[in-house]
N, C-alpha and C. Protein backbone atom coordinates (compact mmCIF):
# COMPACT_ATOMS: atom_id res chain seq x y z
N MET A 1 191.79 -148.54 58.38
CA MET A 1 190.38 -148.45 58.71
C MET A 1 189.78 -147.14 58.20
N ILE A 2 190.47 -146.03 58.41
CA ILE A 2 189.97 -144.73 57.95
C ILE A 2 189.88 -144.71 56.43
N GLY A 3 190.88 -145.30 55.77
CA GLY A 3 190.88 -145.36 54.31
C GLY A 3 189.67 -146.12 53.77
N LYS A 4 189.31 -147.24 54.42
CA LYS A 4 188.13 -148.01 53.99
C LYS A 4 186.84 -147.23 54.23
N THR A 5 186.78 -146.48 55.32
CA THR A 5 185.60 -145.67 55.62
C THR A 5 185.42 -144.59 54.57
N ILE A 6 186.52 -143.94 54.19
CA ILE A 6 186.45 -142.89 53.16
C ILE A 6 186.03 -143.50 51.83
N GLN A 7 186.61 -144.65 51.50
CA GLN A 7 186.26 -145.32 50.24
C GLN A 7 184.78 -145.70 50.23
N LEU A 8 184.28 -146.23 51.36
CA LEU A 8 182.87 -146.59 51.46
C LEU A 8 181.98 -145.36 51.33
N ALA A 9 182.38 -144.26 51.95
CA ALA A 9 181.62 -143.02 51.86
C ALA A 9 181.55 -142.53 50.42
N ARG A 10 182.65 -142.63 49.67
CA ARG A 10 182.65 -142.23 48.26
C ARG A 10 181.71 -143.10 47.44
N ILE A 11 181.73 -144.40 47.71
CA ILE A 11 180.86 -145.32 46.97
C ILE A 11 179.40 -145.00 47.26
N VAL A 12 179.08 -144.81 48.53
CA VAL A 12 177.70 -144.48 48.91
C VAL A 12 177.27 -143.16 48.26
N GLY A 13 178.15 -142.17 48.29
CA GLY A 13 177.84 -140.88 47.68
C GLY A 13 177.59 -141.01 46.19
N THR A 14 178.40 -141.80 45.49
CA THR A 14 178.23 -142.02 44.06
C THR A 14 176.91 -142.71 43.77
N VAL A 15 176.59 -143.73 44.55
CA VAL A 15 175.33 -144.44 44.38
C VAL A 15 174.15 -143.50 44.59
N LEU A 16 174.22 -142.65 45.61
CA LEU A 16 173.14 -141.70 45.87
C LEU A 16 172.95 -140.73 44.71
N ILE A 17 174.05 -140.27 44.13
CA ILE A 17 173.97 -139.36 42.98
C ILE A 17 173.32 -140.07 41.80
N ILE A 18 173.73 -141.31 41.54
CA ILE A 18 173.16 -142.07 40.43
C ILE A 18 171.67 -142.31 40.65
N VAL A 19 171.30 -142.72 41.86
CA VAL A 19 169.89 -142.96 42.18
C VAL A 19 169.09 -141.68 42.02
N ALA A 20 169.61 -140.57 42.52
CA ALA A 20 168.90 -139.29 42.40
C ALA A 20 168.72 -138.89 40.95
N THR A 21 169.74 -139.15 40.12
CA THR A 21 169.66 -138.80 38.71
C THR A 21 168.60 -139.65 38.00
N VAL A 22 168.64 -140.96 38.22
CA VAL A 22 167.68 -141.85 37.58
C VAL A 22 166.28 -141.58 38.12
N TRP A 23 166.15 -141.44 39.42
CA TRP A 23 164.86 -141.20 40.04
C TRP A 23 164.27 -139.88 39.57
N GLY A 24 165.13 -138.91 39.28
CA GLY A 24 164.68 -137.58 38.90
C GLY A 24 164.10 -137.48 37.51
N GLN A 25 164.22 -138.53 36.71
CA GLN A 25 163.64 -138.50 35.38
C GLN A 25 162.13 -138.54 35.48
N ASP A 26 161.49 -137.77 34.61
CA ASP A 26 160.03 -137.73 34.54
C ASP A 26 159.40 -137.26 35.83
N THR A 27 160.08 -136.42 36.59
CA THR A 27 159.53 -135.95 37.86
C THR A 27 159.79 -134.46 38.00
N ALA A 28 159.34 -133.93 39.10
CA ALA A 28 159.53 -132.52 39.39
C ALA A 28 160.92 -132.28 39.94
N SER A 29 161.47 -131.12 39.65
CA SER A 29 162.75 -130.75 40.24
C SER A 29 162.66 -129.40 40.94
N SER A 30 161.65 -128.60 40.65
CA SER A 30 161.41 -127.29 41.25
C SER A 30 162.59 -126.33 41.11
N ALA A 31 163.43 -126.53 40.12
CA ALA A 31 164.53 -125.61 39.86
C ALA A 31 164.03 -124.48 38.97
N GLN A 32 164.69 -123.34 39.07
CA GLN A 32 164.37 -122.22 38.20
C GLN A 32 165.07 -122.43 36.86
N LEU A 33 164.52 -121.87 35.82
CA LEU A 33 165.13 -121.91 34.50
C LEU A 33 166.37 -121.03 34.51
N PRO A 34 167.53 -121.55 34.07
CA PRO A 34 168.76 -120.74 34.06
C PRO A 34 168.64 -119.54 33.11
N LEU A 35 169.37 -118.49 33.41
CA LEU A 35 169.38 -117.30 32.55
C LEU A 35 170.37 -117.52 31.41
N VAL A 36 169.82 -117.63 30.20
CA VAL A 36 170.61 -117.90 28.99
C VAL A 36 169.98 -117.09 27.86
N THR A 37 170.78 -116.72 26.88
CA THR A 37 170.26 -116.01 25.72
C THR A 37 170.07 -116.99 24.56
N LEU A 38 168.88 -116.97 24.00
CA LEU A 38 168.52 -117.77 22.83
C LEU A 38 168.31 -116.82 21.66
N LYS A 39 167.88 -117.35 20.52
CA LYS A 39 167.53 -116.51 19.38
C LYS A 39 166.12 -116.82 18.92
N LYS A 40 165.43 -115.76 18.50
CA LYS A 40 164.15 -115.95 17.82
C LYS A 40 164.47 -116.46 16.42
N LEU A 41 163.48 -116.92 15.70
CA LEU A 41 163.71 -117.44 14.36
C LEU A 41 164.26 -116.39 13.40
N ASP A 42 164.00 -115.11 13.70
CA ASP A 42 164.54 -114.04 12.85
C ASP A 42 165.95 -113.62 13.26
N GLY A 43 166.52 -114.30 14.27
CA GLY A 43 167.89 -114.01 14.71
C GLY A 43 167.99 -113.05 15.87
N THR A 44 166.89 -112.44 16.28
CA THR A 44 166.87 -111.51 17.40
C THR A 44 167.13 -112.26 18.71
N PRO A 45 168.05 -111.75 19.55
CA PRO A 45 168.30 -112.42 20.83
C PRO A 45 167.16 -112.24 21.82
N ILE A 46 166.96 -113.23 22.66
CA ILE A 46 165.96 -113.19 23.72
C ILE A 46 166.48 -114.01 24.89
N THR A 47 166.35 -113.49 26.10
CA THR A 47 166.81 -114.23 27.26
C THR A 47 165.69 -115.16 27.75
N THR A 48 166.08 -116.16 28.51
CA THR A 48 165.07 -117.05 29.07
C THR A 48 164.17 -116.29 30.04
N ARG A 49 164.69 -115.26 30.69
CA ARG A 49 163.85 -114.45 31.59
C ARG A 49 162.76 -113.75 30.79
N GLU A 50 163.13 -113.19 29.63
CA GLU A 50 162.13 -112.54 28.77
C GLU A 50 161.16 -113.57 28.19
N LEU A 51 161.67 -114.72 27.87
CA LEU A 51 160.87 -115.79 27.29
C LEU A 51 159.78 -116.24 28.24
N VAL A 52 160.15 -116.46 29.49
CA VAL A 52 159.19 -116.89 30.50
C VAL A 52 158.30 -115.73 30.90
N GLY A 53 158.89 -114.54 31.04
CA GLY A 53 158.13 -113.33 31.35
C GLY A 53 157.35 -113.43 32.63
N THR A 54 156.19 -112.81 32.63
CA THR A 54 155.34 -112.79 33.82
C THR A 54 154.04 -113.54 33.55
N GLU A 55 154.11 -114.49 32.65
CA GLU A 55 152.91 -115.28 32.31
C GLU A 55 152.38 -115.97 33.55
N SER A 56 151.08 -116.13 33.62
CA SER A 56 150.50 -116.77 34.79
C SER A 56 150.18 -118.24 34.55
N GLY A 57 150.29 -118.71 33.32
CA GLY A 57 149.99 -120.11 33.03
C GLY A 57 151.25 -120.95 32.93
N PRO A 58 151.08 -122.27 32.83
CA PRO A 58 152.23 -123.15 32.69
C PRO A 58 152.91 -122.99 31.33
N ILE A 59 154.17 -123.40 31.27
CA ILE A 59 154.95 -123.34 30.04
C ILE A 59 155.56 -124.71 29.81
N VAL A 60 155.47 -125.19 28.58
CA VAL A 60 156.15 -126.41 28.17
C VAL A 60 157.35 -126.00 27.33
N LEU A 61 158.53 -126.46 27.73
CA LEU A 61 159.74 -126.27 26.93
C LEU A 61 160.08 -127.62 26.32
N ASP A 62 160.16 -127.67 25.01
CA ASP A 62 160.44 -128.92 24.33
C ASP A 62 161.71 -128.75 23.49
N PHE A 63 162.76 -129.46 23.85
CA PHE A 63 164.03 -129.39 23.12
C PHE A 63 164.00 -130.41 22.00
N TRP A 64 164.38 -129.96 20.79
CA TRP A 64 164.26 -130.78 19.59
C TRP A 64 165.29 -130.36 18.56
N ALA A 65 165.34 -131.08 17.45
CA ALA A 65 166.18 -130.72 16.30
C ALA A 65 165.49 -131.20 15.03
N THR A 66 165.82 -130.57 13.93
CA THR A 66 165.18 -130.91 12.65
C THR A 66 165.53 -132.32 12.20
N TRP A 67 166.65 -132.86 12.65
CA TRP A 67 167.09 -134.20 12.24
C TRP A 67 166.58 -135.30 13.17
N CYS A 68 165.83 -134.95 14.22
CA CYS A 68 165.39 -135.91 15.24
C CYS A 68 163.95 -136.35 14.96
N LYS A 69 163.78 -137.57 14.45
CA LYS A 69 162.44 -138.07 14.11
C LYS A 69 161.50 -138.15 15.31
N PRO A 70 161.93 -138.67 16.48
CA PRO A 70 161.00 -138.68 17.62
C PRO A 70 160.60 -137.26 18.06
N CYS A 71 161.51 -136.31 17.90
CA CYS A 71 161.19 -134.92 18.25
C CYS A 71 160.06 -134.40 17.36
N ILE A 72 160.16 -134.67 16.08
CA ILE A 72 159.16 -134.20 15.13
C ILE A 72 157.82 -134.87 15.39
N GLN A 73 157.85 -136.17 15.72
CA GLN A 73 156.62 -136.88 16.07
C GLN A 73 155.97 -136.23 17.29
N GLU A 74 156.78 -135.94 18.31
CA GLU A 74 156.24 -135.35 19.53
C GLU A 74 155.65 -133.98 19.26
N LEU A 75 156.40 -133.12 18.58
CA LEU A 75 155.91 -131.77 18.32
C LEU A 75 154.67 -131.78 17.42
N SER A 76 154.60 -132.71 16.49
CA SER A 76 153.42 -132.82 15.65
C SER A 76 152.21 -133.25 16.48
N ALA A 77 152.42 -134.18 17.41
CA ALA A 77 151.33 -134.60 18.30
C ALA A 77 150.89 -133.44 19.19
N LEU A 78 151.86 -132.66 19.68
CA LEU A 78 151.54 -131.50 20.52
C LEU A 78 150.81 -130.43 19.72
N ALA A 79 151.19 -130.27 18.47
CA ALA A 79 150.52 -129.27 17.62
C ALA A 79 149.03 -129.60 17.48
N ASP A 80 148.70 -130.88 17.46
CA ASP A 80 147.30 -131.29 17.32
C ASP A 80 146.47 -130.92 18.55
N VAL A 81 147.07 -131.02 19.74
CA VAL A 81 146.31 -130.78 20.98
C VAL A 81 146.51 -129.38 21.55
N TYR A 82 147.48 -128.65 21.02
CA TYR A 82 147.83 -127.35 21.59
C TYR A 82 146.66 -126.36 21.67
N PRO A 83 145.87 -126.17 20.63
CA PRO A 83 144.78 -125.18 20.75
C PRO A 83 143.84 -125.49 21.92
N GLU A 84 143.49 -126.75 22.09
CA GLU A 84 142.59 -127.12 23.19
C GLU A 84 143.27 -126.93 24.54
N TRP A 85 144.52 -127.39 24.66
CA TRP A 85 145.26 -127.26 25.93
C TRP A 85 145.42 -125.79 26.31
N LYS A 86 145.71 -124.96 25.31
CA LYS A 86 145.89 -123.52 25.57
C LYS A 86 144.59 -122.90 26.07
N LYS A 87 143.49 -123.29 25.47
CA LYS A 87 142.18 -122.77 25.87
C LYS A 87 141.84 -123.20 27.30
N LEU A 88 142.16 -124.44 27.65
CA LEU A 88 141.78 -124.97 28.97
C LEU A 88 142.69 -124.52 30.11
N THR A 89 143.99 -124.31 29.82
CA THR A 89 144.94 -124.03 30.91
C THR A 89 145.77 -122.77 30.70
N GLY A 90 145.74 -122.19 29.51
CA GLY A 90 146.59 -121.04 29.23
C GLY A 90 148.05 -121.43 28.98
N VAL A 91 148.30 -122.71 28.76
CA VAL A 91 149.67 -123.19 28.56
C VAL A 91 150.29 -122.57 27.30
N ARG A 92 151.59 -122.33 27.38
CA ARG A 92 152.38 -121.95 26.20
C ARG A 92 153.33 -123.10 25.92
N ILE A 93 153.36 -123.54 24.68
CA ILE A 93 154.35 -124.54 24.28
C ILE A 93 155.44 -123.79 23.54
N ILE A 94 156.68 -124.00 24.00
CA ILE A 94 157.84 -123.35 23.42
C ILE A 94 158.80 -124.44 22.97
N ALA A 95 159.02 -124.52 21.67
CA ALA A 95 159.94 -125.50 21.11
C ALA A 95 161.31 -124.84 20.96
N ILE A 96 162.33 -125.47 21.51
CA ILE A 96 163.68 -124.91 21.45
C ILE A 96 164.55 -125.83 20.61
N SER A 97 164.91 -125.34 19.44
CA SER A 97 165.74 -126.12 18.52
C SER A 97 167.20 -126.08 18.97
N ILE A 98 167.83 -127.25 18.98
CA ILE A 98 169.25 -127.31 19.30
C ILE A 98 170.09 -127.48 18.03
N ASP A 99 169.46 -127.27 16.87
CA ASP A 99 170.22 -127.29 15.62
C ASP A 99 171.35 -126.27 15.73
N ASP A 100 172.54 -126.63 15.30
CA ASP A 100 173.68 -125.71 15.40
C ASP A 100 173.58 -124.61 14.35
N ALA A 101 174.54 -123.68 14.39
CA ALA A 101 174.49 -122.51 13.51
C ALA A 101 174.43 -122.90 12.03
N ARG A 102 175.07 -124.01 11.65
CA ARG A 102 175.04 -124.44 10.24
C ARG A 102 173.64 -124.86 9.81
N ASN A 103 172.89 -125.47 10.71
CA ASN A 103 171.56 -126.00 10.37
C ASN A 103 170.40 -125.11 10.81
N SER A 104 170.68 -124.09 11.62
CA SER A 104 169.58 -123.30 12.18
C SER A 104 168.79 -122.54 11.13
N LYS A 105 169.36 -122.30 9.98
CA LYS A 105 168.64 -121.61 8.89
C LYS A 105 167.49 -122.47 8.35
N LYS A 106 167.56 -123.78 8.60
CA LYS A 106 166.52 -124.69 8.13
C LYS A 106 165.30 -124.71 9.06
N VAL A 107 165.46 -124.20 10.27
CA VAL A 107 164.41 -124.35 11.29
C VAL A 107 163.15 -123.58 10.92
N ALA A 108 163.25 -122.31 10.56
CA ALA A 108 162.05 -121.51 10.25
C ALA A 108 161.23 -122.10 9.12
N PRO A 109 161.84 -122.45 7.97
CA PRO A 109 161.02 -123.06 6.91
C PRO A 109 160.45 -124.42 7.33
N PHE A 110 161.19 -125.15 8.12
CA PHE A 110 160.75 -126.45 8.63
C PHE A 110 159.48 -126.28 9.47
N VAL A 111 159.50 -125.31 10.37
CA VAL A 111 158.36 -125.05 11.26
C VAL A 111 157.16 -124.54 10.45
N ARG A 112 157.41 -123.59 9.55
CA ARG A 112 156.33 -123.06 8.71
C ARG A 112 155.67 -124.17 7.88
N GLY A 113 156.49 -125.07 7.36
CA GLY A 113 155.99 -126.16 6.53
C GLY A 113 155.08 -127.11 7.30
N ARG A 114 155.24 -127.18 8.60
CA ARG A 114 154.42 -128.06 9.42
C ARG A 114 153.24 -127.32 10.06
N GLY A 115 153.23 -126.01 9.97
CA GLY A 115 152.11 -125.23 10.50
C GLY A 115 152.02 -125.23 12.03
N TRP A 116 153.13 -125.44 12.70
CA TRP A 116 153.13 -125.43 14.16
C TRP A 116 152.80 -124.03 14.65
N GLU A 117 151.86 -123.92 15.58
CA GLU A 117 151.40 -122.62 16.06
C GLU A 117 152.09 -122.18 17.34
N PHE A 118 152.92 -123.01 17.92
CA PHE A 118 153.60 -122.61 19.15
C PHE A 118 154.89 -121.86 18.84
N GLU A 119 155.45 -121.27 19.88
CA GLU A 119 156.68 -120.48 19.74
C GLU A 119 157.88 -121.40 19.51
N VAL A 120 158.83 -120.94 18.67
CA VAL A 120 160.03 -121.71 18.40
C VAL A 120 161.23 -120.77 18.53
N TYR A 121 162.24 -121.24 19.25
CA TYR A 121 163.48 -120.47 19.46
C TYR A 121 164.67 -121.36 19.16
N LEU A 122 165.83 -120.72 18.99
CA LEU A 122 167.06 -121.42 18.65
C LEU A 122 168.06 -121.37 19.80
N ASP A 123 168.65 -122.51 20.10
CA ASP A 123 169.74 -122.63 21.08
C ASP A 123 170.97 -123.13 20.31
N GLU A 124 171.43 -122.31 19.36
CA GLU A 124 172.49 -122.71 18.43
C GLU A 124 173.78 -123.15 19.12
N ASN A 125 174.13 -122.52 20.21
CA ASN A 125 175.37 -122.86 20.91
C ASN A 125 175.15 -123.88 22.03
N ALA A 126 173.93 -124.37 22.16
CA ALA A 126 173.56 -125.37 23.17
C ALA A 126 173.77 -124.86 24.60
N ASP A 127 173.68 -123.55 24.80
CA ASP A 127 173.89 -122.98 26.14
C ASP A 127 172.80 -123.44 27.12
N LEU A 128 171.55 -123.36 26.72
CA LEU A 128 170.47 -123.78 27.61
C LEU A 128 170.46 -125.30 27.75
N LYS A 129 170.75 -125.98 26.67
CA LYS A 129 170.82 -127.45 26.70
C LYS A 129 171.85 -127.89 27.75
N ARG A 130 173.01 -127.27 27.73
CA ARG A 130 174.06 -127.60 28.71
C ARG A 130 173.65 -127.20 30.12
N ALA A 131 173.07 -126.02 30.26
CA ALA A 131 172.69 -125.52 31.58
C ALA A 131 171.64 -126.43 32.24
N LEU A 132 170.80 -127.06 31.43
CA LEU A 132 169.78 -127.96 31.96
C LEU A 132 170.22 -129.43 31.95
N ASN A 133 171.48 -129.64 31.55
CA ASN A 133 172.06 -130.99 31.55
C ASN A 133 171.24 -131.96 30.69
N ILE A 134 170.89 -131.52 29.49
CA ILE A 134 170.13 -132.36 28.56
C ILE A 134 171.11 -133.18 27.75
N ASN A 135 170.94 -134.49 27.81
CA ASN A 135 171.83 -135.40 27.10
C ASN A 135 171.20 -136.02 25.86
N GLU A 136 169.88 -136.05 25.83
CA GLU A 136 169.19 -136.63 24.68
C GLU A 136 167.91 -135.85 24.41
N ILE A 137 167.49 -135.90 23.16
CA ILE A 137 166.26 -135.23 22.78
C ILE A 137 165.33 -136.25 22.13
N PRO A 138 164.04 -135.99 22.12
CA PRO A 138 163.39 -134.85 22.73
C PRO A 138 163.48 -134.89 24.25
N HIS A 139 163.50 -133.71 24.82
CA HIS A 139 163.52 -133.55 26.28
C HIS A 139 162.54 -132.43 26.58
N THR A 140 161.57 -132.74 27.41
CA THR A 140 160.46 -131.81 27.66
C THR A 140 160.40 -131.43 29.13
N PHE A 141 160.20 -130.15 29.39
CA PHE A 141 160.06 -129.61 30.73
C PHE A 141 158.71 -128.91 30.85
N VAL A 142 158.14 -128.92 32.05
CA VAL A 142 156.96 -128.10 32.34
C VAL A 142 157.35 -127.15 33.46
N LEU A 143 157.07 -125.86 33.25
CA LEU A 143 157.30 -124.83 34.25
C LEU A 143 155.96 -124.38 34.79
N ASN A 144 155.89 -124.14 36.09
CA ASN A 144 154.66 -123.63 36.68
C ASN A 144 154.60 -122.11 36.49
N ARG A 145 153.59 -121.48 37.03
CA ARG A 145 153.41 -120.03 36.82
C ARG A 145 154.49 -119.19 37.50
N HIS A 146 155.29 -119.82 38.38
CA HIS A 146 156.39 -119.12 39.04
C HIS A 146 157.71 -119.33 38.31
N GLY A 147 157.67 -120.02 37.17
CA GLY A 147 158.87 -120.26 36.39
C GLY A 147 159.73 -121.41 36.91
N GLN A 148 159.17 -122.21 37.81
CA GLN A 148 159.91 -123.35 38.35
C GLN A 148 159.66 -124.59 37.49
N ILE A 149 160.71 -125.36 37.30
CA ILE A 149 160.59 -126.62 36.57
C ILE A 149 159.93 -127.63 37.49
N VAL A 150 158.75 -128.11 37.09
CA VAL A 150 158.00 -129.02 37.95
C VAL A 150 157.86 -130.42 37.34
N TYR A 151 158.32 -130.58 36.10
CA TYR A 151 158.22 -131.88 35.44
C TYR A 151 159.22 -131.91 34.30
N GLN A 152 159.78 -133.11 34.05
CA GLN A 152 160.61 -133.28 32.86
C GLN A 152 160.48 -134.71 32.37
N HIS A 153 160.68 -134.85 31.07
CA HIS A 153 160.54 -136.17 30.44
C HIS A 153 161.50 -136.25 29.27
N LYS A 154 162.20 -137.38 29.16
CA LYS A 154 163.10 -137.63 28.04
C LYS A 154 162.44 -138.56 27.04
N SER A 155 162.80 -138.41 25.78
CA SER A 155 162.37 -139.34 24.74
C SER A 155 160.90 -139.10 24.38
N TYR A 156 160.39 -139.90 23.45
CA TYR A 156 158.98 -139.79 23.08
C TYR A 156 158.49 -141.13 22.55
N ALA A 157 157.30 -141.47 22.98
CA ALA A 157 156.54 -142.60 22.43
C ALA A 157 155.10 -142.11 22.30
N PRO A 158 154.39 -142.54 21.27
CA PRO A 158 152.99 -142.12 21.14
C PRO A 158 152.23 -142.37 22.44
N GLY A 159 151.49 -141.37 22.86
CA GLY A 159 150.75 -141.45 24.12
C GLY A 159 151.41 -140.69 25.25
N ASP A 160 152.69 -140.33 25.10
CA ASP A 160 153.39 -139.56 26.13
C ASP A 160 152.74 -138.21 26.38
N GLU A 161 152.00 -137.72 25.38
CA GLU A 161 151.35 -136.42 25.57
C GLU A 161 150.32 -136.47 26.70
N GLU A 162 149.80 -137.65 27.02
CA GLU A 162 148.87 -137.77 28.14
C GLU A 162 149.58 -137.50 29.47
N LEU A 163 150.81 -138.01 29.61
CA LEU A 163 151.61 -137.71 30.81
C LEU A 163 151.90 -136.22 30.90
N LEU A 164 152.22 -135.64 29.75
CA LEU A 164 152.49 -134.21 29.70
C LEU A 164 151.25 -133.41 30.07
N TRP A 165 150.09 -133.82 29.58
CA TRP A 165 148.84 -133.13 29.88
C TRP A 165 148.57 -133.15 31.38
N ASP A 166 148.82 -134.30 32.02
CA ASP A 166 148.64 -134.39 33.48
C ASP A 166 149.55 -133.40 34.20
N ALA A 167 150.81 -133.30 33.74
CA ALA A 167 151.76 -132.37 34.36
C ALA A 167 151.35 -130.92 34.14
N ILE A 168 150.82 -130.62 32.96
CA ILE A 168 150.36 -129.26 32.66
C ILE A 168 149.20 -128.88 33.56
N LYS A 169 148.25 -129.79 33.73
CA LYS A 169 147.09 -129.51 34.60
C LYS A 169 147.53 -129.25 36.03
N LYS A 170 148.49 -130.03 36.52
CA LYS A 170 149.01 -129.81 37.87
C LYS A 170 149.70 -128.46 37.98
N ALA A 171 150.49 -128.12 36.95
CA ALA A 171 151.23 -126.85 36.96
C ALA A 171 150.29 -125.65 36.88
N ALA A 172 149.12 -125.86 36.29
CA ALA A 172 148.15 -124.77 36.14
C ALA A 172 147.38 -124.48 37.43
N GLU A 173 147.43 -125.39 38.39
CA GLU A 173 146.67 -125.22 39.64
C GLU A 173 147.20 -124.07 40.47
């Protein structure tokens, strides 16, 4: 009897974890951004604490790679609306490339060629990607003015920027 109770408790616990994981997609988690060191495009190290700084507006973190077509579509769509969003809410869009050390040299010319005006950093060793448990890209987070993660979204389809805009406006309040 005790063995069946323990087995049932394990099953219930596993189901709860799965439900929480699935339910947690595209929602707020209110977790702080982990402390990890990234690189600027010129190779200079920068920590996530320095990256977030003491800004008072919301921050969008968008994980991407040069080989990811949906990532490029999303960032190109964001580049179109970024000047207006920045003016209205003070939002900063930060694109974090997960291209590895072999491909990271391609990121700066890639970004320059597209004329993206937002900040771009490198996560060559996937430290931040792992710390945030990112399994697929694009993966987008919104941080409020306190540096808390208040929204996240996986994947991209045209029009998703409207969901992101709603999350940014909430984070700016």
